[in-house]
N, C-alpha and C. Protein backbone atom coordinates (compact mmCIF):
# COMPACT_ATOMS: atom_id res chain seq x y z
N MET A 1 -151.80 75.74 7.44
CA MET A 1 -150.74 76.15 6.55
C MET A 1 -149.83 74.96 6.24
N LYS A 2 -149.47 74.84 4.99
CA LYS A 2 -148.55 73.77 4.58
C LYS A 2 -147.18 74.00 5.20
N LYS A 3 -146.43 72.90 5.31
CA LYS A 3 -145.07 72.97 5.83
C LYS A 3 -144.09 72.41 4.81
N VAL A 4 -142.89 72.96 4.83
CA VAL A 4 -141.79 72.48 4.01
C VAL A 4 -140.74 71.93 4.97
N PHE A 5 -140.59 70.60 4.98
CA PHE A 5 -139.63 69.96 5.86
C PHE A 5 -138.29 69.89 5.15
N ILE A 6 -137.34 70.69 5.62
CA ILE A 6 -136.01 70.75 5.04
C ILE A 6 -135.13 69.77 5.79
N VAL A 7 -134.51 68.86 5.07
CA VAL A 7 -133.78 67.75 5.69
C VAL A 7 -132.68 68.25 6.62
N ASN A 8 -131.89 69.24 6.19
CA ASN A 8 -130.81 69.72 7.04
C ASN A 8 -130.58 71.21 6.80
N ARG A 9 -130.44 71.94 7.90
CA ARG A 9 -130.14 73.37 7.79
C ARG A 9 -128.64 73.51 7.55
N GLY A 10 -128.32 74.01 6.38
CA GLY A 10 -126.92 74.19 6.00
C GLY A 10 -126.70 75.61 5.53
N GLY A 11 -125.79 75.78 4.61
CA GLY A 11 -125.44 77.10 4.12
C GLY A 11 -126.27 77.58 2.95
N HIS A 12 -127.31 76.86 2.59
CA HIS A 12 -128.12 77.23 1.42
C HIS A 12 -129.21 78.23 1.81
N ASP A 13 -129.56 79.07 0.88
CA ASP A 13 -130.65 80.01 1.07
C ASP A 13 -131.95 79.33 0.60
N ASN A 14 -132.82 79.05 1.52
CA ASN A 14 -134.08 78.36 1.20
C ASN A 14 -135.27 79.31 1.15
N GLU A 15 -134.99 80.60 1.05
CA GLU A 15 -136.04 81.61 1.10
C GLU A 15 -137.14 81.38 0.07
N ASP A 16 -136.79 80.98 -1.15
CA ASP A 16 -137.79 80.76 -2.20
C ASP A 16 -138.78 79.66 -1.81
N ALA A 17 -138.37 78.72 -0.98
CA ALA A 17 -139.25 77.63 -0.56
C ALA A 17 -140.40 78.11 0.33
N GLU A 18 -140.26 79.30 0.90
CA GLU A 18 -141.33 79.84 1.75
C GLU A 18 -142.62 80.08 0.97
N ARG A 19 -142.53 80.14 -0.36
CA ARG A 19 -143.75 80.27 -1.18
C ARG A 19 -144.69 79.09 -0.98
N PHE A 20 -144.10 77.94 -0.57
CA PHE A 20 -144.86 76.71 -0.47
C PHE A 20 -145.35 76.42 0.95
N GLY A 21 -144.84 77.13 1.94
CA GLY A 21 -145.28 76.90 3.31
C GLY A 21 -144.23 77.27 4.34
N GLU A 22 -144.56 76.99 5.57
CA GLU A 22 -143.67 77.27 6.70
C GLU A 22 -142.45 76.35 6.64
N LEU A 23 -141.27 76.92 6.79
CA LEU A 23 -140.04 76.13 6.75
C LEU A 23 -139.80 75.47 8.11
N VAL A 24 -139.61 74.14 8.08
CA VAL A 24 -139.33 73.37 9.29
C VAL A 24 -138.07 72.56 9.02
N TYR A 25 -137.04 72.77 9.81
CA TYR A 25 -135.78 72.06 9.63
C TYR A 25 -135.80 70.76 10.44
N LEU A 26 -135.55 69.64 9.76
CA LEU A 26 -135.53 68.34 10.43
C LEU A 26 -134.24 68.13 11.22
N SER A 27 -133.16 68.79 10.81
CA SER A 27 -131.88 68.67 11.51
C SER A 27 -131.04 69.89 11.21
N GLU A 28 -129.95 70.00 11.96
CA GLU A 28 -129.04 71.12 11.78
C GLU A 28 -127.63 70.66 12.09
N GLY A 29 -126.69 71.11 11.27
CA GLY A 29 -125.29 70.81 11.52
C GLY A 29 -124.88 69.42 11.07
N VAL A 30 -123.74 68.99 11.60
CA VAL A 30 -123.14 67.72 11.19
C VAL A 30 -123.81 66.56 11.93
N ILE A 31 -124.21 65.56 11.15
CA ILE A 31 -124.80 64.33 11.70
C ILE A 31 -124.14 63.16 10.99
N SER A 32 -123.82 62.13 11.74
CA SER A 32 -123.15 60.96 11.16
C SER A 32 -124.09 60.24 10.20
N ARG A 33 -123.59 59.93 9.03
CA ARG A 33 -124.38 59.19 8.04
C ARG A 33 -124.68 57.78 8.52
N TYR A 34 -123.92 57.30 9.49
CA TYR A 34 -124.11 55.94 10.02
C TYR A 34 -125.06 55.90 11.21
N GLY A 35 -125.45 57.07 11.70
CA GLY A 35 -126.38 57.13 12.83
C GLY A 35 -127.82 57.10 12.38
N THR A 36 -128.18 56.07 11.64
CA THR A 36 -129.51 56.02 11.02
C THR A 36 -130.64 55.99 12.06
N THR A 37 -130.44 55.31 13.17
CA THR A 37 -131.47 55.29 14.21
C THR A 37 -131.63 56.68 14.81
N GLN A 38 -130.53 57.36 15.04
CA GLN A 38 -130.59 58.73 15.56
C GLN A 38 -131.33 59.65 14.59
N ILE A 39 -131.03 59.52 13.31
CA ILE A 39 -131.69 60.33 12.28
C ILE A 39 -133.19 60.04 12.27
N TYR A 40 -133.54 58.76 12.30
CA TYR A 40 -134.95 58.36 12.30
C TYR A 40 -135.70 58.96 13.49
N ARG A 41 -135.12 58.86 14.66
CA ARG A 41 -135.78 59.40 15.86
C ARG A 41 -135.92 60.91 15.80
N LEU A 42 -134.89 61.58 15.34
CA LEU A 42 -134.91 63.03 15.20
C LEU A 42 -136.00 63.47 14.23
N PHE A 43 -136.08 62.80 13.09
CA PHE A 43 -137.07 63.15 12.07
C PHE A 43 -138.49 62.77 12.50
N ALA A 44 -138.63 61.65 13.18
CA ALA A 44 -139.97 61.18 13.60
C ALA A 44 -140.66 62.22 14.47
N GLU A 45 -139.89 62.84 15.34
CA GLU A 45 -140.47 63.85 16.25
C GLU A 45 -141.11 65.00 15.47
N LYS A 46 -140.52 65.36 14.34
CA LYS A 46 -141.04 66.50 13.57
C LYS A 46 -142.02 66.07 12.49
N LEU A 47 -141.79 64.92 11.86
CA LEU A 47 -142.67 64.48 10.77
C LEU A 47 -144.00 63.91 11.27
N LYS A 48 -144.10 63.58 12.55
CA LYS A 48 -145.37 63.03 13.06
C LYS A 48 -146.52 64.02 12.90
N ASP A 49 -146.20 65.30 12.81
CA ASP A 49 -147.23 66.33 12.64
C ASP A 49 -147.38 66.77 11.19
N SER A 50 -146.78 66.04 10.26
CA SER A 50 -146.88 66.41 8.85
C SER A 50 -148.24 66.02 8.29
N SER A 51 -148.59 66.64 7.17
CA SER A 51 -149.84 66.31 6.48
C SER A 51 -149.52 65.87 5.06
N PRO A 52 -150.45 65.22 4.38
CA PRO A 52 -150.22 64.77 3.00
C PRO A 52 -149.93 65.91 2.02
N ASP A 53 -150.24 67.14 2.38
CA ASP A 53 -150.01 68.27 1.48
C ASP A 53 -148.68 68.98 1.73
N ASP A 54 -147.93 68.54 2.72
CA ASP A 54 -146.64 69.14 3.03
C ASP A 54 -145.57 68.67 2.04
N TYR A 55 -144.38 69.22 2.18
CA TYR A 55 -143.28 68.93 1.26
C TYR A 55 -142.02 68.49 2.01
N ILE A 56 -141.19 67.73 1.30
CA ILE A 56 -139.83 67.44 1.73
C ILE A 56 -138.90 68.18 0.78
N LEU A 57 -137.95 68.92 1.36
CA LEU A 57 -136.93 69.59 0.57
C LEU A 57 -135.61 68.90 0.91
N PRO A 58 -135.12 68.05 -0.01
CA PRO A 58 -133.91 67.27 0.28
C PRO A 58 -132.65 68.14 0.26
N THR A 59 -131.89 68.07 1.34
CA THR A 59 -130.60 68.73 1.45
C THR A 59 -129.71 67.86 2.32
N GLY A 60 -128.44 68.12 2.32
CA GLY A 60 -127.55 67.39 3.21
C GLY A 60 -127.21 66.01 2.71
N LEU A 61 -126.86 65.14 3.64
CA LEU A 61 -126.46 63.78 3.31
C LEU A 61 -127.57 62.99 2.63
N SER A 62 -127.21 62.20 1.64
CA SER A 62 -128.22 61.39 0.94
C SER A 62 -128.92 60.43 1.90
N THR A 63 -128.18 59.88 2.87
CA THR A 63 -128.79 58.97 3.86
C THR A 63 -129.95 59.66 4.57
N MET A 64 -129.74 60.90 4.96
CA MET A 64 -130.79 61.65 5.66
C MET A 64 -131.99 61.89 4.75
N GLY A 65 -131.72 62.22 3.48
CA GLY A 65 -132.81 62.43 2.53
C GLY A 65 -133.61 61.17 2.29
N HIS A 66 -132.91 60.03 2.21
CA HIS A 66 -133.60 58.75 2.00
C HIS A 66 -134.53 58.45 3.18
N ILE A 67 -134.03 58.67 4.38
CA ILE A 67 -134.84 58.39 5.57
C ILE A 67 -136.05 59.32 5.63
N ALA A 68 -135.85 60.61 5.39
CA ALA A 68 -136.96 61.56 5.44
C ALA A 68 -138.03 61.23 4.40
N CYS A 69 -137.61 60.93 3.18
CA CYS A 69 -138.57 60.61 2.12
C CYS A 69 -139.31 59.31 2.42
N SER A 70 -138.59 58.32 2.92
CA SER A 70 -139.23 57.04 3.26
C SER A 70 -140.28 57.23 4.34
N MET A 71 -139.96 58.02 5.33
CA MET A 71 -140.90 58.27 6.41
C MET A 71 -142.15 58.98 5.90
N PHE A 72 -141.96 59.97 5.03
CA PHE A 72 -143.09 60.72 4.49
C PHE A 72 -144.00 59.80 3.68
N VAL A 73 -143.41 58.94 2.86
CA VAL A 73 -144.20 57.99 2.07
C VAL A 73 -144.94 57.02 2.98
N PHE A 74 -144.28 56.54 4.00
CA PHE A 74 -144.92 55.63 4.94
C PHE A 74 -146.13 56.30 5.60
N LEU A 75 -145.99 57.55 5.96
CA LEU A 75 -147.08 58.28 6.62
C LEU A 75 -148.23 58.64 5.68
N HIS A 76 -147.90 58.99 4.42
CA HIS A 76 -148.92 59.60 3.55
C HIS A 76 -149.16 58.90 2.22
N GLY A 77 -148.37 57.88 1.89
CA GLY A 77 -148.59 57.15 0.65
C GLY A 77 -148.18 57.89 -0.61
N LYS A 78 -147.59 59.04 -0.43
CA LYS A 78 -147.10 59.83 -1.56
C LYS A 78 -145.93 60.66 -1.09
N LEU A 79 -145.23 61.27 -2.05
CA LEU A 79 -144.08 62.08 -1.72
C LEU A 79 -144.17 63.40 -2.47
N ASN A 80 -144.20 64.49 -1.74
CA ASN A 80 -144.19 65.83 -2.31
C ASN A 80 -142.79 66.41 -2.11
N LEU A 81 -142.09 66.63 -3.21
CA LEU A 81 -140.73 67.15 -3.15
C LEU A 81 -140.68 68.58 -3.64
N LEU A 82 -139.77 69.36 -3.06
CA LEU A 82 -139.39 70.64 -3.61
C LEU A 82 -137.95 70.48 -4.07
N LEU A 83 -137.72 70.71 -5.36
CA LEU A 83 -136.41 70.54 -5.96
C LEU A 83 -135.95 71.88 -6.52
N TYR A 84 -134.70 72.19 -6.33
CA TYR A 84 -134.15 73.46 -6.83
C TYR A 84 -133.81 73.32 -8.30
N LYS A 85 -134.33 74.23 -9.10
CA LYS A 85 -134.10 74.19 -10.55
C LYS A 85 -133.44 75.50 -10.96
N ARG A 86 -132.24 75.37 -11.50
CA ARG A 86 -131.51 76.55 -11.96
C ARG A 86 -132.13 77.08 -13.25
N ASN A 87 -132.12 78.41 -13.38
CA ASN A 87 -132.58 79.04 -14.61
C ASN A 87 -131.76 80.31 -14.85
N SER A 88 -132.13 81.08 -15.85
CA SER A 88 -131.35 82.28 -16.21
C SER A 88 -131.39 83.35 -15.12
N ASP A 89 -132.39 83.30 -14.25
CA ASP A 89 -132.49 84.26 -13.14
C ASP A 89 -131.80 83.75 -11.88
N GLY A 90 -131.15 82.63 -11.95
CA GLY A 90 -130.51 82.04 -10.78
C GLY A 90 -131.13 80.70 -10.47
N GLY A 91 -132.41 80.70 -10.11
CA GLY A 91 -133.10 79.45 -9.85
C GLY A 91 -134.29 79.63 -8.92
N LYS A 92 -135.09 78.59 -8.84
CA LYS A 92 -136.25 78.59 -7.94
C LYS A 92 -136.63 77.15 -7.64
N TYR A 93 -137.45 76.97 -6.63
CA TYR A 93 -137.92 75.64 -6.27
C TYR A 93 -139.14 75.28 -7.11
N VAL A 94 -139.18 74.03 -7.53
CA VAL A 94 -140.32 73.49 -8.26
C VAL A 94 -140.84 72.28 -7.47
N GLU A 95 -142.12 72.04 -7.57
CA GLU A 95 -142.70 70.92 -6.83
C GLU A 95 -142.92 69.72 -7.73
N ARG A 96 -142.72 68.56 -7.16
CA ARG A 96 -142.96 67.29 -7.83
C ARG A 96 -143.63 66.36 -6.84
N THR A 97 -144.63 65.62 -7.30
CA THR A 97 -145.35 64.68 -6.43
C THR A 97 -145.34 63.29 -7.04
N LEU A 98 -145.05 62.31 -6.22
CA LEU A 98 -145.12 60.91 -6.61
C LEU A 98 -146.18 60.23 -5.74
N LYS A 99 -147.20 59.68 -6.39
CA LYS A 99 -148.22 58.91 -5.67
C LYS A 99 -147.81 57.45 -5.72
N MET A 100 -147.27 56.98 -4.65
CA MET A 100 -146.60 55.69 -4.64
C MET A 100 -147.52 54.49 -4.90
N ASP A 101 -148.75 54.57 -4.49
CA ASP A 101 -149.62 53.42 -4.65
C ASP A 101 -150.17 53.28 -6.06
N GLU A 102 -150.03 54.29 -6.92
CA GLU A 102 -150.58 54.22 -8.27
C GLU A 102 -149.81 53.24 -9.16
N LEU A 103 -148.53 53.43 -9.31
CA LEU A 103 -147.74 52.59 -10.20
C LEU A 103 -147.39 51.24 -9.59
N LEU A 104 -147.26 51.20 -8.30
CA LEU A 104 -146.88 49.95 -7.63
C LEU A 104 -148.09 49.03 -7.43
N LYS A 105 -149.28 49.56 -7.64
CA LYS A 105 -150.53 48.77 -7.55
C LYS A 105 -150.64 48.05 -6.19
N CYS A 106 -150.35 48.78 -5.16
CA CYS A 106 -150.49 48.17 -3.83
C CYS A 106 -151.45 49.01 -2.99
N GLU A 107 -152.02 48.36 -2.02
CA GLU A 107 -152.93 49.03 -1.13
C GLU A 107 -152.20 49.41 0.14
N ARG A 108 -152.60 50.55 0.68
CA ARG A 108 -152.01 50.99 1.96
C ARG A 108 -152.61 50.15 3.06
N ARG A 109 -151.81 49.84 4.03
CA ARG A 109 -152.30 49.04 5.17
C ARG A 109 -152.72 49.91 6.30
């Protein structure tokens, strides 16, 4: 089963994201934006079991989102995002994928 790695558990309702897979929270509550090593270690423990078909759902501090996305790209060479898109019914999550090695013309090591 695919997983949706949510950067931070906050006050948002992420129920619609369950359509894409099991919800896994990378962090919860307040975390210092300057504790980048702490964030990296916390995320590494959970992202080590991710697969190329899983998703990142960015929430919380931008620093945390940057670290989570960078780690996912490092592991899988691409980035699968779930982004919230507002519409007349309120909104829903949409998926977007970036294959990093295509445009950058680089080989994975």
